[in-house]
Amino acid sequence: NQGEGVSPPLPFEVQPMAGLVLLFPLDLEHEVATTAVGGSGEPRVSLAFNLRARWLDTPLLCAAYDGRTSSVGNMLLASSNGRS
């Protein structure tokens, strides 16, 4: 829904290259050409997925982010035993 005086974004093209990852909002209209990377003849892979980002809002997520594997294991074990 474009507001008054707001122009839609101009189209732009990104040249593919090995290792390039593009992330963009799900409502951005886009397309992927079926060409090989750099004309190398190697197959080009295009993956599509939806990513749901979450804040670290629980002790389990914070421990996992911090790499505290013992804490993560203990919390998972406690939750599987019906304790929180």
N, C-alpha and C. Protein backbone atom coordinates (compact mmCIF):
# COMPACT_ATOMS: atom_id res chain seq x y z
N ASN A 1 0.85 -1.17 0.00
CA ASN A 1 0.00 0.00 0.00
C ASN A 1 0.89 1.23 0.00
N GLN A 2 1.04 1.88 -1.12
CA GLN A 2 1.91 3.04 -1.27
C GLN A 2 1.20 4.29 -0.75
N GLY A 3 1.93 5.07 0.07
CA GLY A 3 1.39 6.32 0.56
C GLY A 3 1.46 7.39 -0.52
N GLU A 4 0.75 8.47 -0.34
CA GLU A 4 0.75 9.55 -1.32
C GLU A 4 2.15 10.14 -1.44
N GLY A 5 2.63 10.29 -2.66
CA GLY A 5 3.95 10.86 -2.90
C GLY A 5 5.10 9.89 -2.71
N VAL A 6 4.80 8.62 -2.43
CA VAL A 6 5.85 7.62 -2.23
C VAL A 6 5.91 6.74 -3.47
N SER A 7 7.08 6.71 -4.10
CA SER A 7 7.25 5.90 -5.30
C SER A 7 7.63 4.47 -4.93
N PRO A 8 7.19 3.50 -5.73
CA PRO A 8 7.63 2.12 -5.47
C PRO A 8 9.13 2.02 -5.71
N PRO A 9 9.81 1.07 -5.06
CA PRO A 9 11.26 0.94 -5.25
C PRO A 9 11.59 0.58 -6.70
N LEU A 10 12.70 1.09 -7.18
CA LEU A 10 13.14 0.78 -8.54
C LEU A 10 13.71 -0.63 -8.58
N PRO A 11 13.51 -1.33 -9.69
CA PRO A 11 14.10 -2.67 -9.78
C PRO A 11 15.63 -2.57 -9.84
N PHE A 12 16.28 -3.56 -9.33
CA PHE A 12 17.73 -3.63 -9.43
C PHE A 12 18.15 -5.08 -9.63
N GLU A 13 19.34 -5.26 -10.13
CA GLU A 13 19.84 -6.60 -10.45
C GLU A 13 21.11 -6.85 -9.66
N VAL A 14 21.22 -8.07 -9.14
CA VAL A 14 22.41 -8.49 -8.42
C VAL A 14 23.09 -9.57 -9.24
N GLN A 15 24.37 -9.39 -9.51
CA GLN A 15 25.11 -10.39 -10.26
C GLN A 15 25.49 -11.54 -9.32
N PRO A 16 25.16 -12.77 -9.69
CA PRO A 16 25.49 -13.90 -8.82
C PRO A 16 27.00 -14.13 -8.76
N MET A 17 27.46 -14.58 -7.59
CA MET A 17 28.85 -14.99 -7.44
C MET A 17 28.91 -16.03 -6.34
N ALA A 18 29.90 -16.87 -6.40
CA ALA A 18 30.04 -17.96 -5.44
C ALA A 18 30.03 -17.42 -4.02
N GLY A 19 29.23 -18.03 -3.16
CA GLY A 19 29.18 -17.66 -1.76
C GLY A 19 28.25 -16.51 -1.42
N LEU A 20 27.62 -15.90 -2.40
CA LEU A 20 26.73 -14.76 -2.16
C LEU A 20 25.42 -15.24 -1.54
N VAL A 21 25.01 -14.59 -0.46
CA VAL A 21 23.73 -14.87 0.18
C VAL A 21 22.97 -13.56 0.27
N LEU A 22 21.74 -13.55 -0.21
CA LEU A 22 20.88 -12.38 -0.12
C LEU A 22 19.71 -12.69 0.78
N LEU A 23 19.43 -11.82 1.72
CA LEU A 23 18.25 -11.95 2.58
C LEU A 23 17.42 -10.69 2.38
N PHE A 24 16.12 -10.88 2.25
CA PHE A 24 15.25 -9.73 2.03
C PHE A 24 13.87 -10.05 2.57
N PRO A 25 13.04 -9.03 2.78
CA PRO A 25 11.69 -9.24 3.32
C PRO A 25 10.86 -10.15 2.41
N LEU A 26 9.97 -10.92 3.03
CA LEU A 26 9.19 -11.89 2.26
C LEU A 26 8.23 -11.25 1.28
N ASP A 27 7.88 -9.98 1.47
CA ASP A 27 6.95 -9.34 0.56
C ASP A 27 7.65 -8.63 -0.60
N LEU A 28 8.97 -8.75 -0.69
CA LEU A 28 9.70 -8.14 -1.79
C LEU A 28 9.56 -9.02 -3.03
N GLU A 29 8.98 -8.46 -4.07
CA GLU A 29 8.82 -9.22 -5.31
C GLU A 29 10.21 -9.47 -5.91
N HIS A 30 10.46 -10.72 -6.30
CA HIS A 30 11.79 -11.06 -6.81
C HIS A 30 11.71 -12.25 -7.75
N GLU A 31 12.78 -12.47 -8.46
CA GLU A 31 12.90 -13.64 -9.33
C GLU A 31 14.37 -14.03 -9.39
N VAL A 32 14.61 -15.29 -9.75
CA VAL A 32 15.97 -15.81 -9.85
C VAL A 32 16.14 -16.41 -11.23
N ALA A 33 17.14 -15.91 -11.96
CA ALA A 33 17.42 -16.45 -13.29
C ALA A 33 18.10 -17.81 -13.17
N THR A 34 17.93 -18.63 -14.16
CA THR A 34 18.50 -19.99 -14.12
C THR A 34 19.80 -20.04 -14.90
N THR A 35 20.74 -19.19 -14.53
CA THR A 35 22.04 -19.16 -15.21
C THR A 35 23.12 -19.68 -14.28
N ALA A 36 24.20 -20.18 -14.87
CA ALA A 36 25.32 -20.65 -14.08
C ALA A 36 26.10 -19.46 -13.53
N VAL A 37 26.77 -19.65 -12.42
CA VAL A 37 27.56 -18.60 -11.79
C VAL A 37 28.76 -18.28 -12.67
N GLY A 38 28.88 -17.03 -13.09
CA GLY A 38 30.02 -16.59 -13.86
C GLY A 38 30.24 -17.33 -15.16
N GLY A 39 29.21 -17.94 -15.70
CA GLY A 39 29.35 -18.67 -16.96
C GLY A 39 30.25 -19.89 -16.84
N SER A 40 30.44 -20.39 -15.62
CA SER A 40 31.37 -21.50 -15.40
C SER A 40 30.80 -22.85 -15.85
N GLY A 41 29.51 -22.89 -16.09
CA GLY A 41 28.89 -24.16 -16.44
C GLY A 41 28.49 -24.97 -15.20
N GLU A 42 28.95 -24.52 -14.03
CA GLU A 42 28.56 -25.20 -12.78
C GLU A 42 27.09 -24.92 -12.49
N PRO A 43 26.38 -25.89 -11.94
CA PRO A 43 24.97 -25.64 -11.63
C PRO A 43 24.84 -24.55 -10.56
N ARG A 44 23.80 -23.79 -10.68
CA ARG A 44 23.51 -22.73 -9.72
C ARG A 44 22.44 -23.22 -8.77
N VAL A 45 22.60 -22.97 -7.50
CA VAL A 45 21.64 -23.40 -6.50
C VAL A 45 20.94 -22.17 -5.93
N SER A 46 19.62 -22.21 -5.91
CA SER A 46 18.83 -21.15 -5.31
C SER A 46 17.95 -21.78 -4.24
N LEU A 47 18.06 -21.31 -3.02
CA LEU A 47 17.26 -21.82 -1.90
C LEU A 47 16.29 -20.75 -1.45
N ALA A 48 15.09 -21.15 -1.12
CA ALA A 48 14.10 -20.22 -0.59
C ALA A 48 13.60 -20.75 0.75
N PHE A 49 13.50 -19.88 1.72
CA PHE A 49 13.01 -20.30 3.03
C PHE A 49 12.49 -19.08 3.77
N ASN A 50 11.67 -19.32 4.76
CA ASN A 50 11.19 -18.25 5.64
C ASN A 50 11.95 -18.36 6.96
N LEU A 51 12.45 -17.26 7.43
CA LEU A 51 13.21 -17.21 8.67
C LEU A 51 12.43 -16.42 9.70
N ARG A 52 12.21 -17.01 10.83
CA ARG A 52 11.52 -16.30 11.91
C ARG A 52 12.53 -16.02 13.01
N ALA A 53 12.92 -14.78 13.14
CA ALA A 53 13.89 -14.39 14.16
C ALA A 53 13.19 -14.22 15.50
N ARG A 54 13.83 -14.69 16.54
CA ARG A 54 13.29 -14.55 17.89
C ARG A 54 14.34 -13.92 18.78
N TRP A 55 13.90 -13.13 19.72
CA TRP A 55 14.80 -12.58 20.71
C TRP A 55 15.17 -13.68 21.67
N LEU A 56 16.24 -13.51 22.37
CA LEU A 56 16.66 -14.48 23.38
C LEU A 56 15.85 -14.23 24.65
N ASP A 57 14.60 -14.71 24.62
CA ASP A 57 13.65 -14.36 25.68
C ASP A 57 13.45 -15.45 26.72
N THR A 58 14.23 -16.52 26.67
CA THR A 58 14.11 -17.57 27.68
C THR A 58 15.51 -17.96 28.15
N PRO A 59 15.61 -18.51 29.35
CA PRO A 59 16.92 -18.96 29.83
C PRO A 59 17.55 -20.01 28.89
N LEU A 60 16.72 -20.88 28.30
CA LEU A 60 17.24 -21.90 27.40
C LEU A 60 17.88 -21.27 26.16
N LEU A 61 17.19 -20.30 25.54
CA LEU A 61 17.75 -19.64 24.36
C LEU A 61 19.01 -18.87 24.70
N CYS A 62 19.04 -18.21 25.85
CA CYS A 62 20.25 -17.47 26.26
C CYS A 62 21.42 -18.42 26.47
N ALA A 63 21.18 -19.56 27.12
CA ALA A 63 22.25 -20.53 27.36
C ALA A 63 22.76 -21.10 26.03
N ALA A 64 21.84 -21.39 25.10
CA ALA A 64 22.25 -21.93 23.80
C ALA A 64 23.09 -20.90 23.05
N TYR A 65 22.68 -19.64 23.07
CA TYR A 65 23.41 -18.59 22.38
C TYR A 65 24.81 -18.41 22.98
N ASP A 66 24.90 -18.50 24.30
CA ASP A 66 26.18 -18.32 24.99
C ASP A 66 27.09 -19.54 24.89
N GLY A 67 26.56 -20.65 24.38
CA GLY A 67 27.37 -21.86 24.25
C GLY A 67 27.50 -22.65 25.54
N ARG A 68 26.60 -22.42 26.48
CA ARG A 68 26.64 -23.16 27.75
C ARG A 68 25.92 -24.48 27.59
N THR A 69 26.62 -25.45 26.99
CA THR A 69 26.00 -26.72 26.63
C THR A 69 25.50 -27.50 27.85
N SER A 70 26.22 -27.44 28.97
CA SER A 70 25.78 -28.15 30.18
C SER A 70 24.43 -27.61 30.65
N SER A 71 24.32 -26.27 30.66
CA SER A 71 23.06 -25.65 31.08
C SER A 71 21.92 -26.03 30.15
N VAL A 72 22.20 -26.02 28.84
CA VAL A 72 21.17 -26.40 27.86
C VAL A 72 20.72 -27.83 28.12
N GLY A 73 21.67 -28.73 28.27
CA GLY A 73 21.33 -30.14 28.53
C GLY A 73 20.51 -30.30 29.79
N ASN A 74 20.90 -29.61 30.86
CA ASN A 74 20.15 -29.70 32.13
C ASN A 74 18.73 -29.16 31.98
N MET A 75 18.60 -28.04 31.27
CA MET A 75 17.25 -27.46 31.09
C MET A 75 16.37 -28.38 30.24
N LEU A 76 16.94 -28.96 29.18
CA LEU A 76 16.17 -29.87 28.34
C LEU A 76 15.77 -31.11 29.12
N LEU A 77 16.69 -31.64 29.92
CA LEU A 77 16.39 -32.83 30.72
C LEU A 77 15.30 -32.52 31.72
N ALA A 78 15.40 -31.36 32.38
CA ALA A 78 14.39 -30.97 33.36
C ALA A 78 13.02 -30.81 32.70
N SER A 79 13.00 -30.24 31.49
CA SER A 79 11.72 -30.04 30.81
C SER A 79 11.13 -31.37 30.35
N SER A 80 11.98 -32.32 29.97
CA SER A 80 11.44 -33.63 29.55
C SER A 80 10.96 -34.44 30.74
N ASN A 81 11.44 -34.09 31.95
CA ASN A 81 10.98 -34.76 33.17
C ASN A 81 9.78 -34.04 33.78
N GLY A 82 9.26 -33.02 33.10
CA GLY A 82 8.08 -32.31 33.57
C GLY A 82 8.37 -31.17 34.51
N ARG A 83 9.64 -30.82 34.67
CA ARG A 83 10.00 -29.67 35.52
C ARG A 83 10.42 -28.52 34.63
N SER A 84 10.27 -27.29 35.12
CA SER A 84 10.69 -26.15 34.31
C SER A 84 11.88 -25.45 34.87
